[in-house]
Amino acid sequence: MSTGTGKQTYQGRSITVTFEAGRCRHAAVCVHGLPEVFDTARRPWIRPDGAEAERLAEVVRRCPSGALQYELTGSGTRDPEHRP
């Protein structure tokens, strides 16, 4: 789902991931880190419920450009390194 700011939001049961295509450097850290969640051949290409929230958050934090961000649902915890 697009937010009108160029970010797409992918909501799972316990984590929400946002992706800003304009910031992405295509390093594929996400795709290699969790292919069961990040698969560019599928739509939607991000499926947050494909892995445990903490593991997904760990991979999102490794995004070199900050194009990926997350928020743990219900906890209000955001990615401290890539906060908008």
PDB file of N, CA and C in Angstrom:
ATOM      1  N   MET A   1       0.851  -1.185   0.000  1.00  0.00           N
ATOM      2  CA  MET A   1       0.000   0.000   0.000  1.00  0.00           C
ATOM      3  C   MET A   1       0.888   1.236   0.000  1.00  0.00           C
ATOM      4  N   SER A   2       0.613   2.178  -0.841  1.00  0.00           N
ATOM      5  CA  SER A   2       1.376   3.418  -0.933  1.00  0.00           C
ATOM      6  C   SER A   2       0.814   4.449   0.041  1.00  0.00           C
ATOM      7  N   THR A   3       1.707   5.241   0.633  1.00  0.00           N
ATOM      8  CA  THR A   3       1.275   6.232   1.611  1.00  0.00           C
ATOM      9  C   THR A   3       1.165   7.630   1.026  1.00  0.00           C
ATOM     10  N   GLY A   4       1.506   7.824  -0.241  1.00  0.00           N
ATOM     11  CA  GLY A   4       1.464   9.144  -0.841  1.00  0.00           C
ATOM     12  C   GLY A   4       2.765   9.907  -0.641  1.00  0.00           C
ATOM     13  N   THR A   5       3.686   9.354   0.135  1.00  0.00           N
ATOM     14  CA  THR A   5       4.988   9.983   0.370  1.00  0.00           C
ATOM     15  C   THR A   5       6.091   9.228  -0.352  1.00  0.00           C
ATOM     16  N   GLY A   6       5.711   8.301  -1.224  1.00  0.00           N
ATOM     17  CA  GLY A   6       6.693   7.480  -1.909  1.00  0.00           C
ATOM     18  C   GLY A   6       7.051   6.239  -1.128  1.00  0.00           C
ATOM     19  N   LYS A   7       6.462   6.072   0.034  1.00  0.00           N
ATOM     20  CA  LYS A   7       6.709   4.885   0.850  1.00  0.00           C
ATOM     21  C   LYS A   7       5.565   3.909   0.666  1.00  0.00           C
ATOM     22  N   GLN A   8       5.915   2.641   0.658  1.00  0.00           N
ATOM     23  CA  GLN A   8       4.919   1.582   0.639  1.00  0.00           C
ATOM     24  C   GLN A   8       4.944   0.917   2.004  1.00  0.00           C
ATOM     25  N   THR A   9       3.780   0.537   2.495  1.00  0.00           N
ATOM     26  CA  THR A   9       3.651  -0.056   3.814  1.00  0.00           C
ATOM     27  C   THR A   9       3.162  -1.488   3.688  1.00  0.00           C
ATOM     28  N   TYR A  10       3.815  -2.377   4.419  1.00  0.00           N
ATOM     29  CA  TYR A  10       3.473  -3.793   4.427  1.00  0.00           C
ATOM     30  C   TYR A  10       3.241  -4.196   5.876  1.00  0.00           C
ATOM     31  N   GLN A  11       1.997  -4.469   6.214  1.00  0.00           N
ATOM     32  CA  GLN A  11       1.636  -4.730   7.596  1.00  0.00           C
ATOM     33  C   GLN A  11       1.492  -6.221   7.856  1.00  0.00           C
ATOM     34  N   GLY A  12       2.181  -6.677   8.894  1.00  0.00           N
ATOM     35  CA  GLY A  12       2.054  -8.056   9.344  1.00  0.00           C
ATOM     36  C   GLY A  12       1.361  -8.089  10.691  1.00  0.00           C
ATOM     37  N   ARG A  13       1.281  -9.270  11.272  1.00  0.00           N
ATOM     38  CA  ARG A  13       0.620  -9.415  12.572  1.00  0.00           C
ATOM     39  C   ARG A  13       1.375  -8.692  13.682  1.00  0.00           C
ATOM     40  N   SER A  14       2.714  -8.741  13.665  1.00  0.00           N
ATOM     41  CA  SER A  14       3.470  -8.157  14.763  1.00  0.00           C
ATOM     42  C   SER A  14       4.527  -7.147  14.337  1.00  0.00           C
ATOM     43  N   ILE A  15       4.616  -6.879  13.035  1.00  0.00           N
ATOM     44  CA  ILE A  15       5.581  -5.889  12.535  1.00  0.00           C
ATOM     45  C   ILE A  15       5.036  -5.269  11.253  1.00  0.00           C
ATOM     46  N   THR A  16       5.294  -3.985  11.092  1.00  0.00           N
ATOM     47  CA  THR A  16       4.958  -3.275   9.865  1.00  0.00           C
ATOM     48  C   THR A  16       6.266  -2.796   9.245  1.00  0.00           C
ATOM     49  N   VAL A  17       6.447  -3.072   7.963  1.00  0.00           N
ATOM     50  CA  VAL A  17       7.658  -2.686   7.239  1.00  0.00           C
ATOM     51  C   VAL A  17       7.271  -1.634   6.210  1.00  0.00           C
ATOM     52  N   THR A  18       8.072  -0.573   6.122  1.00  0.00           N
ATOM     53  CA  THR A  18       7.879   0.417   5.076  1.00  0.00           C
ATOM     54  C   THR A  18       9.086   0.400   4.151  1.00  0.00           C
ATOM     55  N   PHE A  19       8.822   0.698   2.883  1.00  0.00           N
ATOM     56  CA  PHE A  19       9.859   0.695   1.857  1.00  0.00           C
ATOM     57  C   PHE A  19       9.737   1.958   1.034  1.00  0.00           C
ATOM     58  N   GLU A  20      10.856   2.672   0.903  1.00  0.00           N
ATOM     59  CA  GLU A  20      10.914   3.888   0.099  1.00  0.00           C
ATOM     60  C   GLU A  20      11.808   3.618  -1.109  1.00  0.00           C
ATOM     61  N   ALA A  21      11.184   3.354  -2.251  1.00  0.00           N
ATOM     62  CA  ALA A  21      11.910   2.938  -3.455  1.00  0.00           C
ATOM     63  C   ALA A  21      12.978   3.935  -3.887  1.00  0.00           C
ATOM     64  N   GLY A  22      12.719   5.214  -3.735  1.00  0.00           N
ATOM     65  CA  GLY A  22      13.674   6.235  -4.157  1.00  0.00           C
ATOM     66  C   GLY A  22      14.982   6.221  -3.387  1.00  0.00           C
ATOM     67  N   ARG A  23      14.998   5.621  -2.217  1.00  0.00           N
ATOM     68  CA  ARG A  23      16.212   5.542  -1.395  1.00  0.00           C
ATOM     69  C   ARG A  23      16.981   4.241  -1.603  1.00  0.00           C
ATOM     70  N   CYS A  24      16.339   3.252  -2.198  1.00  0.00           N
ATOM     71  CA  CYS A  24      16.926   1.916  -2.323  1.00  0.00           C
ATOM     72  C   CYS A  24      18.140   1.927  -3.242  1.00  0.00           C
ATOM     73  N   ARG A  25      19.237   1.279  -2.791  1.00  0.00           N
ATOM     74  CA  ARG A  25      20.471   1.155  -3.582  1.00  0.00           C
ATOM     75  C   ARG A  25      20.581  -0.219  -4.233  1.00  0.00           C
ATOM     76  N   HIS A  26      19.579  -1.070  -4.049  1.00  0.00           N
ATOM     77  CA  HIS A  26      19.524  -2.401  -4.641  1.00  0.00           C
ATOM     78  C   HIS A  26      20.720  -3.268  -4.242  1.00  0.00           C
ATOM     79  N   ALA A  27      21.140  -3.154  -2.996  1.00  0.00           N
ATOM     80  CA  ALA A  27      22.222  -3.971  -2.464  1.00  0.00           C
ATOM     81  C   ALA A  27      21.755  -5.406  -2.210  1.00  0.00           C
ATOM     82  N   ALA A  28      20.453  -5.620  -2.143  1.00  0.00           N
ATOM     83  CA  ALA A  28      19.820  -6.935  -1.962  1.00  0.00           C
ATOM     84  C   ALA A  28      20.129  -7.569  -0.609  1.00  0.00           C
ATOM     85  N   VAL A  29      20.485  -6.765   0.363  1.00  0.00           N
ATOM     86  CA  VAL A  29      20.723  -7.279   1.714  1.00  0.00           C
ATOM     87  C   VAL A  29      19.448  -7.929   2.240  1.00  0.00           C
ATOM     88  N   CYS A  30      18.317  -7.319   1.973  1.00  0.00           N
ATOM     89  CA  CYS A  30      17.033  -7.858   2.435  1.00  0.00           C
ATOM     90  C   CYS A  30      16.715  -9.177   1.744  1.00  0.00           C
ATOM     91  N   VAL A  31      16.855  -9.217   0.434  1.00  0.00           N
ATOM     92  CA  VAL A  31      16.518 -10.400  -0.349  1.00  0.00           C
ATOM     93  C   VAL A  31      17.400 -11.584   0.047  1.00  0.00           C
ATOM     94  N   HIS A  32      18.678 -11.338   0.258  1.00  0.00           N
ATOM     95  CA  HIS A  32      19.593 -12.409   0.652  1.00  0.00           C
ATOM     96  C   HIS A  32      19.426 -12.774   2.123  1.00  0.00           C
ATOM     97  N   GLY A  33      19.046 -11.806   2.938  1.00  0.00           N
ATOM     98  CA  GLY A  33      18.904 -12.050   4.373  1.00  0.00           C
ATOM     99  C   GLY A  33      17.652 -12.818   4.740  1.00  0.00           C
ATOM    100  N   LEU A  34      16.557 -12.550   4.067  1.00  0.00           N
ATOM    101  CA  LEU A  34      15.278 -13.234   4.348  1.00  0.00           C
ATOM    102  C   LEU A  34      14.490 -13.416   3.053  1.00  0.00           C
ATOM    103  N   PRO A  35      14.900 -14.341   2.197  1.00  0.00           N
ATOM    104  CA  PRO A  35      14.193 -14.530   0.928  1.00  0.00           C
ATOM    105  C   PRO A  35      12.742 -14.960   1.108  1.00  0.00           C
ATOM    106  N   GLU A  36      12.396 -15.530   2.261  1.00  0.00           N
ATOM    107  CA  GLU A  36      11.019 -15.926   2.502  1.00  0.00           C
ATOM    108  C   GLU A  36      10.114 -14.722   2.775  1.00  0.00           C
ATOM    109  N   VAL A  37      10.705 -13.567   3.070  1.00  0.00           N
ATOM    110  CA  VAL A  37       9.952 -12.325   3.292  1.00  0.00           C
ATOM    111  C   VAL A  37      10.078 -11.391   2.098  1.00  0.00           C
ATOM    112  N   PHE A  38      11.298 -11.228   1.592  1.00  0.00           N
ATOM    113  CA  PHE A  38      11.584 -10.292   0.502  1.00  0.00           C
ATOM    114  C   PHE A  38      11.798 -11.065  -0.793  1.00  0.00           C
ATOM    115  N   ASP A  39      10.841 -10.995  -1.702  1.00  0.00           N
ATOM    116  CA  ASP A  39      10.921 -11.713  -2.969  1.00  0.00           C
ATOM    117  C   ASP A  39      10.390 -10.803  -4.067  1.00  0.00           C
ATOM    118  N   THR A  40      11.295 -10.272  -4.869  1.00  0.00           N
ATOM    119  CA  THR A  40      10.913  -9.300  -5.894  1.00  0.00           C
ATOM    120  C   THR A  40      10.074  -9.907  -7.018  1.00  0.00           C
ATOM    121  N   ALA A  41       9.993 -11.224  -7.088  1.00  0.00           N
ATOM    122  CA  ALA A  41       9.181 -11.875  -8.118  1.00  0.00           C
ATOM    123  C   ALA A  41       7.716 -12.003  -7.701  1.00  0.00           C
ATOM    124  N   ARG A  42       7.408 -11.757  -6.430  1.00  0.00           N
ATOM    125  CA  ARG A  42       6.033 -11.869  -5.924  1.00  0.00           C
ATOM    126  C   ARG A  42       5.419 -10.493  -5.738  1.00  0.00           C
ATOM    127  N   ARG A  43       4.107 -10.472  -5.637  1.00  0.00           N
ATOM    128  CA  ARG A  43       3.372  -9.264  -5.269  1.00  0.00           C
ATOM    129  C   ARG A  43       2.406  -9.628  -4.174  1.00  0.00           C
ATOM    130  N   PRO A  44       2.422  -9.009  -3.033  1.00  0.00           N
ATOM    131  CA  PRO A  44       3.400  -8.000  -2.654  1.00  0.00           C
ATOM    132  C   PRO A  44       4.783  -8.622  -2.457  1.00  0.00           C
ATOM    133  N   TRP A  45       5.816  -7.842  -2.704  1.00  0.00           N
ATOM    134  CA  TRP A  45       7.173  -8.389  -2.647  1.00  0.00           C
ATOM    135  C   TRP A  45       7.711  -8.494  -1.226  1.00  0.00           C
ATOM    136  N   ILE A  46       7.058  -7.813  -0.279  1.00  0.00           N
ATOM    137  CA  ILE A  46       7.420  -7.937   1.132  1.00  0.00           C
ATOM    138  C   ILE A  46       6.246  -8.588   1.860  1.00  0.00           C
ATOM    139  N   ARG A  47       6.515  -9.690   2.529  1.00  0.00           N
ATOM    140  CA  ARG A  47       5.499 -10.407   3.309  1.00  0.00           C
ATOM    141  C   ARG A  47       5.992 -10.528   4.746  1.00  0.00           C
ATOM    142  N   PRO A  48       5.650  -9.544   5.582  1.00  0.00           N
ATOM    143  CA  PRO A  48       6.180  -9.469   6.943  1.00  0.00           C
ATOM    144  C   PRO A  48       5.900 -10.688   7.810  1.00  0.00           C
ATOM    145  N   ASP A  49       4.852 -11.427   7.534  1.00  0.00           N
ATOM    146  CA  ASP A  49       4.542 -12.600   8.351  1.00  0.00           C
ATOM    147  C   ASP A  49       5.331 -13.836   7.928  1.00  0.00           C
ATOM    148  N   GLY A  50       6.265 -13.672   6.999  1.00  0.00           N
ATOM    149  CA  GLY A  50       7.085 -14.792   6.535  1.00  0.00           C
ATOM    150  C   GLY A  50       8.224 -15.144   7.468  1.00  0.00           C
ATOM    151  N   ALA A  51       8.433 -14.357   8.513  1.00  0.00           N
ATOM    152  CA  ALA A  51       9.500 -14.623   9.485  1.00  0.00           C
ATOM    153  C   ALA A  51       9.109 -13.996  10.813  1.00  0.00           C
ATOM    154  N   GLU A  52       9.788 -14.383  11.861  1.00  0.00           N
ATOM    155  CA  GLU A  52       9.537 -13.792  13.176  1.00  0.00           C
ATOM    156  C   GLU A  52       9.894 -12.311  13.137  1.00  0.00           C
ATOM    157  N   ALA A  53       9.128 -11.497  13.833  1.00  0.00           N
ATOM    158  CA  ALA A  53       9.285 -10.042  13.802  1.00  0.00           C
ATOM    159  C   ALA A  53      10.695  -9.602  14.179  1.00  0.00           C
ATOM    160  N   GLU A  54      11.280 -10.198  15.199  1.00  0.00           N
ATOM    161  CA  GLU A  54      12.623  -9.788  15.631  1.00  0.00           C
ATOM    162  C   GLU A  54      13.670 -10.092  14.574  1.00  0.00           C
ATOM    163  N   ARG A  55      13.547 -11.213  13.898  1.00  0.00           N
ATOM    164  CA  ARG A  55      14.485 -11.575  12.826  1.00  0.00           C
ATOM    165  C   ARG A  55      14.319 -10.616  11.648  1.00  0.00           C
ATOM    166  N   LEU A  56      13.075 -10.305  11.310  1.00  0.00           N
ATOM    167  CA  LEU A  56      12.808  -9.358  10.228  1.00  0.00           C
ATOM    168  C   LEU A  56      13.370  -7.983  10.564  1.00  0.00           C
ATOM    169  N   ALA A  57      13.183  -7.541  11.796  1.00  0.00           N
ATOM    170  CA  ALA A  57      13.711  -6.248  12.223  1.00  0.00           C
ATOM    171  C   ALA A  57      15.237  -6.219  12.099  1.00  0.00           C
ATOM    172  N   GLU A  58      15.879  -7.324  12.427  1.00  0.00           N
ATOM    173  CA  GLU A  58      17.338  -7.420  12.323  1.00  0.00           C
ATOM    174  C   GLU A  58      17.801  -7.217  10.880  1.00  0.00           C
ATOM    175  N   VAL A  59      17.106  -7.841   9.931  1.00  0.00           N
ATOM    176  CA  VAL A  59      17.457  -7.704   8.516  1.00  0.00           C
ATOM    177  C   VAL A  59      17.169  -6.289   8.026  1.00  0.00           C
ATOM    178  N   VAL A  60      16.059  -5.711   8.429  1.00  0.00           N
ATOM    179  CA  VAL A  60      15.719  -4.343   8.027  1.00  0.00           C
ATOM    180  C   VAL A  60      16.788  -3.368   8.530  1.00  0.00           C
ATOM    181  N   ARG A  61      17.284  -3.566   9.735  1.00  0.00           N
ATOM    182  CA  ARG A  61      18.327  -2.679  10.280  1.00  0.00           C
ATOM    183  C   ARG A  61      19.614  -2.727   9.468  1.00  0.00           C
ATOM    184  N   ARG A  62      19.821  -3.803   8.721  1.00  0.00           N
ATOM    185  CA  ARG A  62      21.028  -3.927   7.888  1.00  0.00           C
ATOM    186  C   ARG A  62      20.899  -3.218   6.543  1.00  0.00           C
ATOM    187  N   CYS A  63      19.742  -2.688   6.216  1.00  0.00           N
ATOM    188  CA  CYS A  63      19.530  -2.008   4.933  1.00  0.00           C
ATOM    189  C   CYS A  63      20.500  -0.822   4.848  1.00  0.00           C
ATOM    190  N   PRO A  64      21.423  -0.827   3.890  1.00  0.00           N
ATOM    191  CA  PRO A  64      22.455   0.213   3.834  1.00  0.00           C
ATOM    192  C   PRO A  64      21.938   1.610   3.488  1.00  0.00           C
ATOM    193  N   SER A  65      20.794   1.699   2.827  1.00  0.00           N
ATOM    194  CA  SER A  65      20.287   3.000   2.398  1.00  0.00           C
ATOM    195  C   SER A  65      19.232   3.583   3.330  1.00  0.00           C
ATOM    196  N   GLY A  66      18.667   2.743   4.186  1.00  0.00           N
ATOM    197  CA  GLY A  66      17.564   3.199   5.023  1.00  0.00           C
ATOM    198  C   GLY A  66      16.230   3.175   4.297  1.00  0.00           C
ATOM    199  N   ALA A  67      16.191   2.556   3.127  1.00  0.00           N
ATOM    200  CA  ALA A  67      14.942   2.473   2.365  1.00  0.00           C
ATOM    201  C   ALA A  67      13.904   1.630   3.100  1.00  0.00           C
ATOM    202  N   LEU A  68      14.376   0.684   3.885  1.00  0.00           N
ATOM    203  CA  LEU A  68      13.483  -0.156   4.687  1.00  0.00           C
ATOM    204  C   LEU A  68      13.466   0.347   6.119  1.00  0.00           C
ATOM    205  N   GLN A  69      12.300   0.371   6.701  1.00  0.00           N
ATOM    206  CA  GLN A  69      12.117   0.739   8.104  1.00  0.00           C
ATOM    207  C   GLN A  69      11.068  -0.190   8.682  1.00  0.00           C
ATOM    208  N   TYR A  70      10.985  -0.232   9.997  1.00  0.00           N
ATOM    209  CA  TYR A  70       9.983  -1.093  10.604  1.00  0.00           C
ATOM    210  C   TYR A  70       9.415  -0.472  11.869  1.00  0.00           C
ATOM    211  N   GLU A  71       8.270  -0.989  12.255  1.00  0.00           N
ATOM    212  CA  GLU A  71       7.658  -0.672  13.534  1.00  0.00           C
ATOM    213  C   GLU A  71       7.025  -1.953  14.045  1.00  0.00           C
ATOM    214  N   LEU A  72       7.381  -2.323  15.266  1.00  0.00           N
ATOM    215  CA  LEU A  72       6.776  -3.502  15.872  1.00  0.00           C
ATOM    216  C   LEU A  72       5.360  -3.134  16.279  1.00  0.00           C
ATOM    217  N   THR A  73       4.393  -3.884  15.817  1.00  0.00           N
ATOM    218  CA  THR A  73       2.984  -3.608  16.056  1.00  0.00           C
ATOM    219  C   THR A  73       2.663  -3.727  17.535  1.00  0.00           C
ATOM    220  N   GLY A  74       1.978  -2.727  18.059  1.00  0.00           N
ATOM    221  CA  GLY A  74       1.542  -2.743  19.440  1.00  0.00           C
ATOM    222  C   GLY A  74       2.564  -2.261  20.436  1.00  0.00           C
ATOM    223  N   SER A  75       3.844  -2.268  20.059  1.00  0.00           N
ATOM    224  CA  SER A  75       4.876  -1.871  21.012  1.00  0.00           C
ATOM    225  C   SER A  75       5.333  -0.434  20.809  1.00  0.00           C
ATOM    226  N   GLY A  76       5.085   0.095  19.601  1.00  0.00           N
ATOM    227  CA  GLY A  76       5.545   1.437  19.303  1.00  0.00           C
ATOM    228  C   GLY A  76       7.044   1.499  19.046  1.00  0.00           C
ATOM    229  N   THR A  77       7.717   0.338  18.955  1.00  0.00           N
ATOM    230  CA  THR A  77       9.145   0.304  18.729  1.00  0.00           C
ATOM    231  C   THR A  77       9.442   0.536  17.252  1.00  0.00           C
ATOM    232  N   ARG A  78      10.268   1.528  17.006  1.00  0.00           N
ATOM    233  CA  ARG A  78      10.683   1.831  15.638  1.00  0.00           C
ATOM    234  C   ARG A  78      12.163   1.551  15.498  1.00  0.00           C
ATOM    235  N   ASP A  79      12.581   1.442  14.256  1.00  0.00           N
ATOM    236  CA  ASP A  79      13.984   1.253  13.945  1.00  0.00           C
ATOM    237  C   ASP A  79      14.733   2.530  14.331  1.00  0.00           C
ATOM    238  N   PRO A  80      15.630   2.474  15.316  1.00  0.00           N
ATOM    239  CA  PRO A  80      16.306   3.686  15.770  1.00  0.00           C
ATOM    240  C   PRO A  80      17.296   4.257  14.759  1.00  0.00           C
ATOM    241  N   GLU A  81      17.838   3.430  13.883  1.00  0.00           N
ATOM    242  CA  GLU A  81      18.818   3.909  12.919  1.00  0.00           C
ATOM    243  C   GLU A  81      18.203   4.567  11.705  1.00  0.00           C
ATOM    244  N   HIS A  82      17.017   4.163  11.323  1.00  0.00           N
ATOM    245  CA  HIS A  82      16.407   4.648  10.080  1.00  0.00           C
ATOM    246  C   HIS A  82      15.084   5.352  10.318  1.00  0.00           C
ATOM    247  N   ARG A  83      14.970   5.997  11.433  1.00  0.00           N
ATOM    248  CA  ARG A  83      13.725   6.715  11.736  1.00  0.00           C
ATOM    249  C   ARG A  83      13.585   7.888  10.779  1.00  0.00           C
ATOM    250  N   PRO A  84      12.379   8.079  10.196  1.00  0.00           N
ATOM    251  CA  PRO A  84      12.186   9.173   9.238  1.00  0.00           C
ATOM    252  C   PRO A  84      12.331  10.535   9.890  1.00  0.00           C
TER     253      PRO A  84
END
